[in-house]
Protein backbone atom coordinates (compact mmCIF):
# COMPACT_ATOMS: atom_id res chain seq x y z
CA UNK A 1 -6.01 -7.81 18.05
CA UNK A 2 -8.15 -8.57 21.01
CA UNK A 3 -9.25 -11.91 22.32
CA UNK A 4 -7.50 -15.23 22.67
CA UNK A 5 -6.16 -15.35 19.12
CA UNK A 6 -4.73 -11.82 19.33
CA UNK A 7 -3.10 -12.61 22.69
CA UNK A 8 -1.62 -15.79 21.27
CA UNK A 9 -0.18 -13.88 18.30
CA UNK A 10 1.42 -11.31 20.61
CA UNK A 11 2.85 -14.05 22.83
CA UNK A 12 4.40 -15.71 19.80
CA UNK A 13 5.77 -12.42 18.45
CA UNK A 14 7.35 -11.49 21.77
CA UNK A 15 8.23 -15.01 22.92
CA UNK A 16 6.55 -14.63 26.29
CA UNK A 17 7.25 -17.77 28.26
CA UNK A 18 6.92 -16.95 31.96
CA UNK A 19 5.16 -14.54 34.30
CA UNK A 20 8.29 -12.40 34.70
CA UNK A 21 7.87 -11.37 31.08
CA UNK A 22 4.16 -10.65 31.56
CA UNK A 23 4.56 -7.02 32.62
CA UNK A 24 6.92 -6.11 29.76
CA UNK A 25 4.68 -8.13 27.46
CA UNK A 26 1.63 -6.06 28.47
CA UNK A 27 3.47 -2.77 27.97
CA UNK A 28 4.77 -3.92 24.58
CA UNK A 29 1.27 -4.96 23.52
CA UNK A 30 -0.27 -1.61 24.35
CA UNK A 31 2.57 0.33 22.65
CA UNK A 32 2.46 -1.77 19.52
CA UNK A 33 -1.33 -1.91 19.37
CA UNK A 34 -1.32 1.88 19.53
CA UNK A 35 1.33 2.03 16.80
CA UNK A 36 -0.75 -0.25 14.55
CA UNK A 37 -3.96 1.61 15.37
CA UNK A 38 -2.39 4.98 14.52
CA UNK A 39 -1.00 3.57 11.27
CA UNK A 40 -4.40 2.21 10.23
CA UNK A 41 -6.13 5.49 11.06
CA UNK A 42 -3.62 7.61 9.14
CA UNK A 43 -2.54 5.36 6.28
CA UNK A 44 -4.83 2.34 6.11
CA UNK A 45 -6.85 3.48 3.11
CA UNK A 46 -3.74 4.59 1.22
CA UNK A 47 -2.04 1.25 1.83
CA UNK A 48 -5.17 -0.60 0.77
CA UNK A 49 -5.48 1.46 -2.43
CA UNK A 50 -1.80 1.00 -3.25
CA UNK A 51 -1.97 -2.75 -2.71
CA UNK A 52 -5.16 -2.93 -4.76
CA UNK A 53 -3.56 -0.96 -7.59
CA UNK A 54 -0.92 -3.69 -7.79
CA UNK A 55 -3.05 -6.75 -7.16
CA UNK A 56 -6.54 -5.93 -8.48
CA UNK A 57 -7.94 -8.22 -5.80
CA UNK A 58 -9.47 -6.86 -2.60
CA UNK A 59 -8.74 -9.97 -0.52
CA UNK A 60 -5.07 -9.85 -1.44
CA UNK A 61 -4.97 -6.09 -0.83
CA UNK A 62 -6.44 -6.60 2.64
CA UNK A 63 -3.83 -9.31 3.29
CA UNK A 64 -1.09 -6.86 2.26
CA UNK A 65 -2.52 -4.25 4.65
CA UNK A 66 -2.45 -6.81 7.45
CA UNK A 67 1.07 -7.99 6.57
CA UNK A 68 2.26 -4.37 6.47
CA UNK A 69 0.88 -3.77 9.96
CA UNK A 70 2.48 -6.97 11.22
CA UNK A 71 5.79 -5.81 9.77
CA UNK A 72 5.30 -2.46 11.52
CA UNK A 73 4.69 -3.99 14.94
CA UNK A 74 7.43 -6.61 14.65
CA UNK A 75 10.11 -4.20 13.41
CA UNK A 76 8.80 -1.17 15.36
CA UNK A 77 11.10 1.34 13.66
CA UNK A 78 11.39 4.89 14.92
CA UNK A 79 10.10 7.57 12.59
CA UNK A 80 11.11 11.19 12.17
CA UNK A 81 7.60 12.35 11.28
CA UNK A 82 4.18 11.04 10.26
CA UNK A 83 5.20 11.54 6.61
CA UNK A 84 8.25 9.34 7.20
CA UNK A 85 6.04 6.65 8.76
CA UNK A 86 3.62 6.80 5.82
CA UNK A 87 6.46 6.57 3.30
CA UNK A 88 7.90 3.57 5.17
CA UNK A 89 4.50 1.85 5.27
CA UNK A 90 3.91 2.53 1.56
CA UNK A 91 7.35 1.13 0.70
CA UNK A 92 6.67 -2.01 2.74
CA UNK A 93 3.21 -2.39 1.18
CA UNK A 94 4.68 -1.88 -2.29
CA UNK A 95 7.33 -4.56 -1.72
CA UNK A 96 4.82 -6.98 -0.21
CA UNK A 97 2.47 -6.37 -3.15
CA UNK A 98 5.24 -7.10 -5.65
CA UNK A 99 6.04 -10.30 -3.79
CA UNK A 100 2.36 -11.26 -3.84
CA UNK A 101 2.21 -10.65 -7.60
CA UNK A 102 5.00 -13.16 -8.08
CA UNK A 103 3.25 -15.58 -5.72
CA UNK A 104 -0.10 -15.16 -7.49
CA UNK A 105 1.25 -15.18 -11.02
CA UNK A 106 -0.87 -18.22 -11.91
CA UNK A 107 -4.03 -17.03 -10.18
CA UNK A 108 -6.78 -15.15 -11.94
CA UNK A 109 -7.38 -11.70 -10.46
CA UNK A 110 -10.68 -9.89 -10.22
CA UNK A 111 -11.46 -6.54 -11.80
CA UNK A 112 -10.44 -3.17 -10.36
CA UNK A 113 -13.19 -1.93 -8.06
CA UNK A 114 -14.24 1.70 -8.52
CA UNK A 115 -15.59 1.75 -4.94
CA UNK A 116 -12.22 2.78 -3.48
CA UNK A 117 -11.45 6.11 -5.15
CA UNK A 118 -9.39 8.79 -3.46
CA UNK A 119 -11.08 10.82 -0.75
CA UNK A 120 -13.26 13.58 -2.17
CA UNK A 121 -13.54 12.08 -5.65
CA UNK A 122 -17.16 11.68 -6.70
CA UNK A 123 -16.78 11.52 -10.47
CA UNK A 124 -17.13 8.26 -12.37
CA UNK A 125 -13.54 7.66 -13.42
CA UNK A 126 -13.87 4.01 -14.41
CA UNK A 127 -12.58 4.73 -17.91
CA UNK A 128 -9.46 6.35 -16.44
CA UNK A 129 -8.93 3.42 -14.05
CA UNK A 130 -9.15 1.03 -16.97
CA UNK A 131 -6.57 3.05 -18.88
CA UNK A 132 -4.26 3.26 -15.85
CA UNK A 133 -4.68 -0.46 -15.25
CA UNK A 134 -3.43 -1.22 -18.75
CA UNK A 135 -0.15 0.66 -18.20
CA UNK A 136 3.05 -1.24 -17.47
CA UNK A 137 3.60 -1.84 -13.73
CA UNK A 138 6.34 0.78 -13.26
CA UNK A 139 4.31 3.50 -14.95
CA UNK A 140 1.11 2.47 -13.15
CA UNK A 141 2.93 2.54 -9.80
CA UNK A 142 4.33 6.04 -10.39
CA UNK A 143 1.00 7.40 -11.68
CA UNK A 144 -0.78 6.00 -8.61
CA UNK A 145 1.72 7.36 -6.09
CA UNK A 146 1.89 10.77 -7.78
CA UNK A 147 -1.79 11.44 -8.47
CA UNK A 148 -3.65 9.22 -6.01
CA UNK A 149 -1.36 9.48 -2.99
CA UNK A 150 0.09 12.95 -3.69
CA UNK A 151 3.79 12.08 -3.40
CA UNK A 152 6.46 14.16 -5.13
CA UNK A 153 8.84 12.53 -7.58
CA UNK A 154 11.64 12.57 -4.99
CA UNK A 155 9.39 10.83 -2.45
CA UNK A 156 8.34 8.28 -5.06
CA UNK A 157 12.01 7.71 -5.82
CA UNK A 158 12.59 6.91 -2.16
CA UNK A 159 9.55 4.63 -1.96
CA UNK A 160 10.29 2.66 -5.14
CA UNK A 161 14.06 2.60 -4.84
CA UNK A 162 14.53 4.04 -8.32
CA UNK A 163 16.37 7.21 -9.30
CA UNK A 164 14.29 10.38 -9.39
CA UNK A 165 15.07 10.88 -13.08
CA UNK A 166 13.71 7.39 -13.78
CA UNK A 167 10.56 8.20 -11.80
CA UNK A 168 10.05 11.42 -13.78
CA UNK A 169 10.63 9.48 -17.01
CA UNK A 170 8.10 6.81 -16.04
CA UNK A 171 5.63 9.50 -15.01
CA UNK A 172 5.98 11.28 -18.36
CA UNK A 173 5.71 8.05 -20.33
CA UNK A 174 2.68 7.00 -18.31
CA UNK A 175 0.99 10.38 -18.88
CA UNK A 176 1.73 10.22 -22.61
CA UNK A 177 0.33 6.68 -22.88
CA UNK A 178 -2.76 7.65 -20.88
CA UNK A 179 -3.30 10.73 -23.04
CA UNK A 180 -3.06 8.61 -26.20
CA UNK A 181 -5.35 5.87 -24.83
CA UNK A 182 -7.96 8.32 -23.57
CA UNK A 183 -7.81 10.31 -26.81
CA UNK A 184 -8.36 7.14 -28.83
CA UNK A 185 -11.29 6.16 -26.60
CA UNK A 186 -12.77 9.64 -26.96
CA UNK A 187 -12.37 9.59 -30.78
CA UNK A 188 -14.33 6.35 -31.04
CA UNK A 189 -17.28 7.56 -28.99
């Protein structure tokens, strides 16, 4: 957030009005810029993939990433560990994505882009993405967080705000539906 626009945004966020606030303003900027920079380095791709899995639109997913970072710097919560920070960011991104879905309900979304697979995945998994995309939102969310992001069911429970037994149930139902869909697709080929 460099330049005149970035400085203006920070002045608005911190309500800097006089030169007495300038020193605390500068310290707050550097602390919060570092916080946002660290978050992007560690979790940016995961947040982007999560938002994209909800929205199926890269521009909206990038907006969610930006809104998540703004929420991080405005709230500036303290975290126990990097895993706690990532879980908090994923929860915020998930909630913002759900809100954006409601907001965009009338808009047409673009297709899921296979150019953002998980790190280290080189296989063409477009048929799997299509199957996952056709799952109900709750099952798709749990499948994504479990397989793509590597969260345990208890962590997913914390992120989604649902009971762990419900998460395990959604995960099993999602797996079963995927197995059936992929088996049907394989039988026809």
